[in-house]
Amino acid sequence: MLLAIASLIFERVKERDTLRNILLSVYGNKESVDEDLVEIIRGPACDEGALDAFVSIVTGPPGPNPVTPMAGLSIPILVL
């Protein structure tokens, strides 16, 4: 059941128009969102195993919080 739902979401997200709209919502410079960018990001989503990777990312543990190890630093650090 989870795989069927994830597959429907994944298929929708990797459509060119949907992906373009997602990129437009997160890119500060909207002019950067062109057909080349959409295809660069969309390309791997069409590879074999892409759905499995998507499901793994969505259902897997979140991983470490990057702030936690930084709290123990005693020297200045620049984060870009």
PDB file of N, CA and C in Angstrom:
ATOM      1  N   MET A   1       0.821  -1.199   0.000  1.00  0.00           N
ATOM      2  CA  MET A   1       0.000   0.000   0.000  1.00  0.00           C
ATOM      3  C   MET A   1       0.866   1.265   0.000  1.00  0.00           C
ATOM      4  N   LEU A   2       1.888   1.282   0.896  1.00  0.00           N
ATOM      5  CA  LEU A   2       2.777   2.431   0.961  1.00  0.00           C
ATOM      6  C   LEU A   2       3.480   2.655  -0.373  1.00  0.00           C
ATOM      7  N   LEU A   3       3.926   1.563  -0.989  1.00  0.00           N
ATOM      8  CA  LEU A   3       4.623   1.680  -2.269  1.00  0.00           C
ATOM      9  C   LEU A   3       3.695   2.237  -3.354  1.00  0.00           C
ATOM     10  N   ALA A   4       2.441   1.845  -3.340  1.00  0.00           N
ATOM     11  CA  ALA A   4       1.487   2.342  -4.335  1.00  0.00           C
ATOM     12  C   ALA A   4       1.257   3.846  -4.167  1.00  0.00           C
ATOM     13  N   ILE A   5       1.118   4.286  -2.918  1.00  0.00           N
ATOM     14  CA  ILE A   5       0.917   5.713  -2.651  1.00  0.00           C
ATOM     15  C   ILE A   5       2.171   6.504  -3.018  1.00  0.00           C
ATOM     16  N   ALA A   6       3.339   5.987  -2.612  1.00  0.00           N
ATOM     17  CA  ALA A   6       4.601   6.650  -2.931  1.00  0.00           C
ATOM     18  C   ALA A   6       4.797   6.738  -4.436  1.00  0.00           C
ATOM     19  N   SER A   7       4.424   5.696  -5.143  1.00  0.00           N
ATOM     20  CA  SER A   7       4.559   5.682  -6.599  1.00  0.00           C
ATOM     21  C   SER A   7       3.698   6.762  -7.242  1.00  0.00           C
ATOM     22  N   LEU A   8       2.474   6.908  -6.774  1.00  0.00           N
ATOM     23  CA  LEU A   8       1.591   7.953  -7.307  1.00  0.00           C
ATOM     24  C   LEU A   8       2.166   9.346  -7.055  1.00  0.00           C
ATOM     25  N   ILE A   9       2.653   9.574  -5.845  1.00  0.00           N
ATOM     26  CA  ILE A   9       3.233  10.877  -5.507  1.00  0.00           C
ATOM     27  C   ILE A   9       4.485  11.128  -6.350  1.00  0.00           C
ATOM     28  N   PHE A  10       5.342  10.112  -6.431  1.00  0.00           N
ATOM     29  CA  PHE A  10       6.595  10.240  -7.167  1.00  0.00           C
ATOM     30  C   PHE A  10       6.345  10.532  -8.641  1.00  0.00           C
ATOM     31  N   GLU A  11       5.409   9.828  -9.238  1.00  0.00           N
ATOM     32  CA  GLU A  11       5.096  10.051 -10.652  1.00  0.00           C
ATOM     33  C   GLU A  11       4.595  11.472 -10.884  1.00  0.00           C
ATOM     34  N   ARG A  12       3.830  11.975  -9.954  1.00  0.00           N
ATOM     35  CA  ARG A  12       3.311  13.345 -10.075  1.00  0.00           C
ATOM     36  C   ARG A  12       4.426  14.374  -9.918  1.00  0.00           C
ATOM     37  N   VAL A  13       5.295  14.171  -8.926  1.00  0.00           N
ATOM     38  CA  VAL A  13       6.366  15.130  -8.644  1.00  0.00           C
ATOM     39  C   VAL A  13       7.364  15.211  -9.795  1.00  0.00           C
ATOM     40  N   LYS A  14       7.616  14.096 -10.473  1.00  0.00           N
ATOM     41  CA  LYS A  14       8.623  14.140 -11.535  1.00  0.00           C
ATOM     42  C   LYS A  14       8.086  14.622 -12.888  1.00  0.00           C
ATOM     43  N   GLU A  15       6.802  14.973 -12.964  1.00  0.00           N
ATOM     44  CA  GLU A  15       6.276  15.593 -14.179  1.00  0.00           C
ATOM     45  C   GLU A  15       6.931  16.966 -14.339  1.00  0.00           C
ATOM     46  N   ARG A  16       7.252  17.326 -15.559  1.00  0.00           N
ATOM     47  CA  ARG A  16       7.980  18.581 -15.825  1.00  0.00           C
ATOM     48  C   ARG A  16       7.305  19.804 -15.198  1.00  0.00           C
ATOM     49  N   ASP A  17       6.010  19.956 -15.405  1.00  0.00           N
ATOM     50  CA  ASP A  17       5.319  21.139 -14.883  1.00  0.00           C
ATOM     51  C   ASP A  17       5.306  21.168 -13.362  1.00  0.00           C
ATOM     52  N   THR A  18       5.075  20.020 -12.745  1.00  0.00           N
ATOM     53  CA  THR A  18       5.066  19.953 -11.278  1.00  0.00           C
ATOM     54  C   THR A  18       6.448  20.276 -10.737  1.00  0.00           C
ATOM     55  N   LEU A  19       7.464  19.667 -11.327  1.00  0.00           N
ATOM     56  CA  LEU A  19       8.835  19.910 -10.890  1.00  0.00           C
ATOM     57  C   LEU A  19       9.216  21.380 -11.068  1.00  0.00           C
ATOM     58  N   ARG A  20       8.830  21.969 -12.190  1.00  0.00           N
ATOM     59  CA  ARG A  20       9.106  23.393 -12.434  1.00  0.00           C
ATOM     60  C   ARG A  20       8.457  24.249 -11.349  1.00  0.00           C
ATOM     61  N   ASN A  21       7.218  23.950 -10.993  1.00  0.00           N
ATOM     62  CA  ASN A  21       6.520  24.716  -9.956  1.00  0.00           C
ATOM     63  C   ASN A  21       7.190  24.556  -8.593  1.00  0.00           C
ATOM     64  N   ILE A  22       7.655  23.353  -8.285  1.00  0.00           N
ATOM     65  CA  ILE A  22       8.363  23.129  -7.025  1.00  0.00           C
ATOM     66  C   ILE A  22       9.648  23.953  -7.003  1.00  0.00           C
ATOM     67  N   LEU A  23      10.392  23.904  -8.104  1.00  0.00           N
ATOM     68  CA  LEU A  23      11.641  24.666  -8.181  1.00  0.00           C
ATOM     69  C   LEU A  23      11.384  26.163  -8.072  1.00  0.00           C
ATOM     70  N   LEU A  24      10.346  26.643  -8.729  1.00  0.00           N
ATOM     71  CA  LEU A  24      10.010  28.065  -8.641  1.00  0.00           C
ATOM     72  C   LEU A  24       9.667  28.481  -7.213  1.00  0.00           C
ATOM     73  N   SER A  25       9.125  27.543  -6.438  1.00  0.00           N
ATOM     74  CA  SER A  25       8.753  27.873  -5.061  1.00  0.00           C
ATOM     75  C   SER A  25       9.959  27.913  -4.122  1.00  0.00           C
ATOM     76  N   VAL A  26      11.086  27.297  -4.511  1.00  0.00           N
ATOM     77  CA  VAL A  26      12.240  27.265  -3.613  1.00  0.00           C
ATOM     78  C   VAL A  26      13.432  28.087  -4.110  1.00  0.00           C
ATOM     79  N   TYR A  27      13.462  28.435  -5.371  1.00  0.00           N
ATOM     80  CA  TYR A  27      14.575  29.223  -5.907  1.00  0.00           C
ATOM     81  C   TYR A  27      14.293  30.708  -5.713  1.00  0.00           C
ATOM     82  N   GLY A  28      15.249  31.409  -5.144  1.00  0.00           N
ATOM     83  CA  GLY A  28      15.111  32.848  -4.977  1.00  0.00           C
ATOM     84  C   GLY A  28      15.129  33.564  -6.317  1.00  0.00           C
ATOM     85  N   ASN A  29      16.006  33.128  -7.214  1.00  0.00           N
ATOM     86  CA  ASN A  29      16.118  33.718  -8.543  1.00  0.00           C
ATOM     87  C   ASN A  29      15.285  32.864  -9.504  1.00  0.00           C
ATOM     88  N   LYS A  30      14.071  33.288  -9.757  1.00  0.00           N
ATOM     89  CA  LYS A  30      13.141  32.524 -10.597  1.00  0.00           C
ATOM     90  C   LYS A  30      13.661  32.335 -12.020  1.00  0.00           C
ATOM     91  N   GLU A  31      14.510  33.258 -12.481  1.00  0.00           N
ATOM     92  CA  GLU A  31      15.058  33.156 -13.832  1.00  0.00           C
ATOM     93  C   GLU A  31      15.991  31.949 -13.973  1.00  0.00           C
ATOM     94  N   SER A  32      16.480  31.434 -12.840  1.00  0.00           N
ATOM     95  CA  SER A  32      17.358  30.259 -12.873  1.00  0.00           C
ATOM     96  C   SER A  32      16.592  28.987 -13.222  1.00  0.00           C
ATOM     97  N   VAL A  33      15.284  29.018 -13.032  1.00  0.00           N
ATOM     98  CA  VAL A  33      14.468  27.833 -13.292  1.00  0.00           C
ATOM     99  C   VAL A  33      14.107  27.810 -14.775  1.00  0.00           C
ATOM    100  N   ASP A  34      14.937  27.115 -15.540  1.00  0.00           N
ATOM    101  CA  ASP A  34      14.699  26.987 -16.972  1.00  0.00           C
ATOM    102  C   ASP A  34      14.578  25.500 -17.322  1.00  0.00           C
ATOM    103  N   GLU A  35      14.387  25.221 -18.598  1.00  0.00           N
ATOM    104  CA  GLU A  35      14.211  23.829 -19.038  1.00  0.00           C
ATOM    105  C   GLU A  35      15.432  22.976 -18.724  1.00  0.00           C
ATOM    106  N   ASP A  36      16.620  23.557 -18.839  1.00  0.00           N
ATOM    107  CA  ASP A  36      17.839  22.794 -18.538  1.00  0.00           C
ATOM    108  C   ASP A  36      17.851  22.345 -17.078  1.00  0.00           C
ATOM    109  N   LEU A  37      17.533  23.254 -16.161  1.00  0.00           N
ATOM    110  CA  LEU A  37      17.514  22.904 -14.740  1.00  0.00           C
ATOM    111  C   LEU A  37      16.470  21.827 -14.464  1.00  0.00           C
ATOM    112  N   VAL A  38      15.285  22.002 -15.020  1.00  0.00           N
ATOM    113  CA  VAL A  38      14.221  21.010 -14.817  1.00  0.00           C
ATOM    114  C   VAL A  38      14.686  19.638 -15.289  1.00  0.00           C
ATOM    115  N   GLU A  39      15.323  19.576 -16.434  1.00  0.00           N
ATOM    116  CA  GLU A  39      15.784  18.287 -16.970  1.00  0.00           C
ATOM    117  C   GLU A  39      16.945  17.711 -16.176  1.00  0.00           C
ATOM    118  N   ILE A  40      17.842  18.572 -15.683  1.00  0.00           N
ATOM    119  CA  ILE A  40      18.958  18.089 -14.858  1.00  0.00           C
ATOM    120  C   ILE A  40      18.423  17.415 -13.595  1.00  0.00           C
ATOM    121  N   ILE A  41      17.415  17.999 -13.003  1.00  0.00           N
ATOM    122  CA  ILE A  41      16.853  17.436 -11.770  1.00  0.00           C
ATOM    123  C   ILE A  41      15.930  16.263 -12.072  1.00  0.00           C
ATOM    124  N   ARG A  42      15.214  16.344 -13.169  1.00  0.00           N
ATOM    125  CA  ARG A  42      14.259  15.296 -13.523  1.00  0.00           C
ATOM    126  C   ARG A  42      14.957  14.021 -14.011  1.00  0.00           C
ATOM    127  N   GLY A  43      16.102  14.172 -14.663  1.00  0.00           N
ATOM    128  CA  GLY A  43      16.798  13.027 -15.250  1.00  0.00           C
ATOM    129  C   GLY A  43      16.965  11.844 -14.316  1.00  0.00           C
ATOM    130  N   PRO A  44      17.590  12.024 -13.152  1.00  0.00           N
ATOM    131  CA  PRO A  44      17.774  10.889 -12.242  1.00  0.00           C
ATOM    132  C   PRO A  44      16.456  10.290 -11.733  1.00  0.00           C
ATOM    133  N   ALA A  45      15.406  11.076 -11.705  1.00  0.00           N
ATOM    134  CA  ALA A  45      14.103  10.568 -11.260  1.00  0.00           C
ATOM    135  C   ALA A  45      13.536   9.545 -12.236  1.00  0.00           C
ATOM    136  N   CYS A  46      14.061   9.517 -13.445  1.00  0.00           N
ATOM    137  CA  CYS A  46      13.599   8.569 -14.455  1.00  0.00           C
ATOM    138  C   CYS A  46      14.467   7.304 -14.495  1.00  0.00           C
ATOM    139  N   ASP A  47      15.533   7.277 -13.696  1.00  0.00           N
ATOM    140  CA  ASP A  47      16.412   6.110 -13.668  1.00  0.00           C
ATOM    141  C   ASP A  47      15.770   4.944 -12.932  1.00  0.00           C
ATOM    142  N   GLU A  48      16.209   3.740 -13.278  1.00  0.00           N
ATOM    143  CA  GLU A  48      15.746   2.552 -12.570  1.00  0.00           C
ATOM    144  C   GLU A  48      16.171   2.666 -11.105  1.00  0.00           C
ATOM    145  N   GLY A  49      15.284   2.349 -10.208  1.00  0.00           N
ATOM    146  CA  GLY A  49      15.585   2.408  -8.782  1.00  0.00           C
ATOM    147  C   GLY A  49      15.272   3.741  -8.141  1.00  0.00           C
ATOM    148  N   ALA A  50      14.866   4.731  -8.930  1.00  0.00           N
ATOM    149  CA  ALA A  50      14.590   6.057  -8.376  1.00  0.00           C
ATOM    150  C   ALA A  50      13.425   6.026  -7.387  1.00  0.00           C
ATOM    151  N   LEU A  51      12.404   5.255  -7.689  1.00  0.00           N
ATOM    152  CA  LEU A  51      11.264   5.155  -6.769  1.00  0.00           C
ATOM    153  C   LEU A  51      11.707   4.551  -5.443  1.00  0.00           C
ATOM    154  N   ASP A  52      12.534   3.507  -5.494  1.00  0.00           N
ATOM    155  CA  ASP A  52      13.025   2.890  -4.259  1.00  0.00           C
ATOM    156  C   ASP A  52      13.817   3.887  -3.425  1.00  0.00           C
ATOM    157  N   ALA A  53      14.647   4.701  -4.088  1.00  0.00           N
ATOM    158  CA  ALA A  53      15.423   5.723  -3.377  1.00  0.00           C
ATOM    159  C   ALA A  53      14.489   6.749  -2.738  1.00  0.00           C
ATOM    160  N   PHE A  54      13.469   7.172  -3.474  1.00  0.00           N
ATOM    161  CA  PHE A  54      12.483   8.131  -2.958  1.00  0.00           C
ATOM    162  C   PHE A  54      11.796   7.579  -1.715  1.00  0.00           C
ATOM    163  N   VAL A  55      11.337   6.335  -1.776  1.00  0.00           N
ATOM    164  CA  VAL A  55      10.656   5.709  -0.641  1.00  0.00           C
ATOM    165  C   VAL A  55      11.608   5.622   0.548  1.00  0.00           C
ATOM    166  N   SER A  56      12.857   5.266   0.306  1.00  0.00           N
ATOM    167  CA  SER A  56      13.841   5.156   1.370  1.00  0.00           C
ATOM    168  C   SER A  56      14.074   6.497   2.057  1.00  0.00           C
ATOM    169  N   ILE A  57      14.157   7.557   1.266  1.00  0.00           N
ATOM    170  CA  ILE A  57      14.370   8.893   1.826  1.00  0.00           C
ATOM    171  C   ILE A  57      13.167   9.337   2.641  1.00  0.00           C
ATOM    172  N   VAL A  58      11.975   9.100   2.122  1.00  0.00           N
ATOM    173  CA  VAL A  58      10.757   9.552   2.793  1.00  0.00           C
ATOM    174  C   VAL A  58      10.461   8.757   4.062  1.00  0.00           C
ATOM    175  N   THR A  59      10.761   7.465   4.062  1.00  0.00           N
ATOM    176  CA  THR A  59      10.398   6.617   5.195  1.00  0.00           C
ATOM    177  C   THR A  59      11.552   6.345   6.144  1.00  0.00           C
ATOM    178  N   GLY A  60      12.769   6.700   5.745  1.00  0.00           N
ATOM    179  CA  GLY A  60      13.938   6.416   6.576  1.00  0.00           C
ATOM    180  C   GLY A  60      14.090   7.388   7.725  1.00  0.00           C
ATOM    181  N   PRO A  61      15.042   7.077   8.622  1.00  0.00           N
ATOM    182  CA  PRO A  61      15.291   7.991   9.745  1.00  0.00           C
ATOM    183  C   PRO A  61      15.842   9.318   9.228  1.00  0.00           C
ATOM    184  N   PRO A  62      15.599  10.404   9.935  1.00  0.00           N
ATOM    185  CA  PRO A  62      15.989  11.720   9.453  1.00  0.00           C
ATOM    186  C   PRO A  62      17.494  11.964   9.444  1.00  0.00           C
ATOM    187  N   GLY A  63      18.255  11.199  10.178  1.00  0.00           N
ATOM    188  CA  GLY A  63      19.700  11.425  10.246  1.00  0.00           C
ATOM    189  C   GLY A  63      20.040  12.441  11.324  1.00  0.00           C
ATOM    190  N   PRO A  64      21.330  12.676  11.510  1.00  0.00           N
ATOM    191  CA  PRO A  64      21.733  13.577  12.599  1.00  0.00           C
ATOM    192  C   PRO A  64      21.392  15.035  12.319  1.00  0.00           C
ATOM    193  N   ASN A  65      21.129  15.747  13.375  1.00  0.00           N
ATOM    194  CA  ASN A  65      20.883  17.182  13.295  1.00  0.00           C
ATOM    195  C   ASN A  65      22.247  17.862  13.218  1.00  0.00           C
ATOM    196  N   PRO A  66      22.517  18.662  12.181  1.00  0.00           N
ATOM    197  CA  PRO A  66      23.848  19.275  12.046  1.00  0.00           C
ATOM    198  C   PRO A  66      24.187  20.265  13.154  1.00  0.00           C
ATOM    199  N   VAL A  67      23.207  20.742  13.886  1.00  0.00           N
ATOM    200  CA  VAL A  67      23.464  21.692  14.966  1.00  0.00           C
ATOM    201  C   VAL A  67      24.099  20.989  16.161  1.00  0.00           C
ATOM    202  N   THR A  68      23.759  19.743  16.406  1.00  0.00           N
ATOM    203  CA  THR A  68      24.244  19.016  17.576  1.00  0.00           C
ATOM    204  C   THR A  68      25.766  18.950  17.647  1.00  0.00           C
ATOM    205  N   PRO A  69      26.472  18.491  16.615  1.00  0.00           N
ATOM    206  CA  PRO A  69      27.929  18.440  16.730  1.00  0.00           C
ATOM    207  C   PRO A  69      28.576  19.831  16.777  1.00  0.00           C
ATOM    208  N   MET A  70      27.917  20.818  16.222  1.00  0.00           N
ATOM    209  CA  MET A  70      28.471  22.179  16.223  1.00  0.00           C
ATOM    210  C   MET A  70      28.486  22.772  17.632  1.00  0.00           C
ATOM    211  N   ALA A  71      27.582  22.326  18.504  1.00  0.00           N
ATOM    212  CA  ALA A  71      27.511  22.862  19.863  1.00  0.00           C
ATOM    213  C   ALA A  71      28.789  22.565  20.635  1.00  0.00           C
ATOM    214  N   GLY A  72      29.505  21.499  20.281  1.00  0.00           N
ATOM    215  CA  GLY A  72      30.726  21.140  20.983  1.00  0.00           C
ATOM    216  C   GLY A  72      31.975  21.811  20.459  1.00  0.00           C
ATOM    217  N   LEU A  73      31.867  22.614  19.420  1.00  0.00           N
ATOM    218  CA  LEU A  73      33.039  23.286  18.858  1.00  0.00           C
ATOM    219  C   LEU A  73      33.444  24.475  19.721  1.00  0.00           C
ATOM    220  N   SER A  74      34.751  24.625  19.904  1.00  0.00           N
ATOM    221  CA  SER A  74      35.232  25.732  20.699  1.00  0.00           C
ATOM    222  C   SER A  74      35.980  26.767  19.856  1.00  0.00           C
ATOM    223  N   ILE A  75      35.933  26.592  18.543  1.00  0.00           N
ATOM    224  CA  ILE A  75      36.596  27.535  17.653  1.00  0.00           C
ATOM    225  C   ILE A  75      35.549  28.165  16.731  1.00  0.00           C
ATOM    226  N   PRO A  76      35.832  29.345  16.196  1.00  0.00           N
ATOM    227  CA  PRO A  76      34.869  29.958  15.254  1.00  0.00           C
ATOM    228  C   PRO A  76      34.731  29.119  13.995  1.00  0.00           C
ATOM    229  N   ILE A  77      33.539  29.116  13.441  1.00  0.00           N
ATOM    230  CA  ILE A  77      33.286  28.361  12.215  1.00  0.00           C
ATOM    231  C   ILE A  77      32.364  29.183  11.325  1.00  0.00           C
ATOM    232  N   LEU A  78      32.636  29.146  10.034  1.00  0.00           N
ATOM    233  CA  LEU A  78      31.811  29.836   9.054  1.00  0.00           C
ATOM    234  C   LEU A  78      31.007  28.785   8.290  1.00  0.00           C
ATOM    235  N   VAL A  79      29.704  28.900   8.323  1.00  0.00           N
ATOM    236  CA  VAL A  79      28.835  27.967   7.629  1.00  0.00           C
ATOM    237  C   VAL A  79      28.202  28.712   6.460  1.00  0.00           C
ATOM    238  N   LEU A  80      28.410  28.173   5.276  1.00  0.00           N
ATOM    239  CA  LEU A  80      27.852  28.805   4.080  1.00  0.00           C
ATOM    240  C   LEU A  80      26.693  27.992   3.553  1.00  0.00           C
TER     241      LEU A  80
END
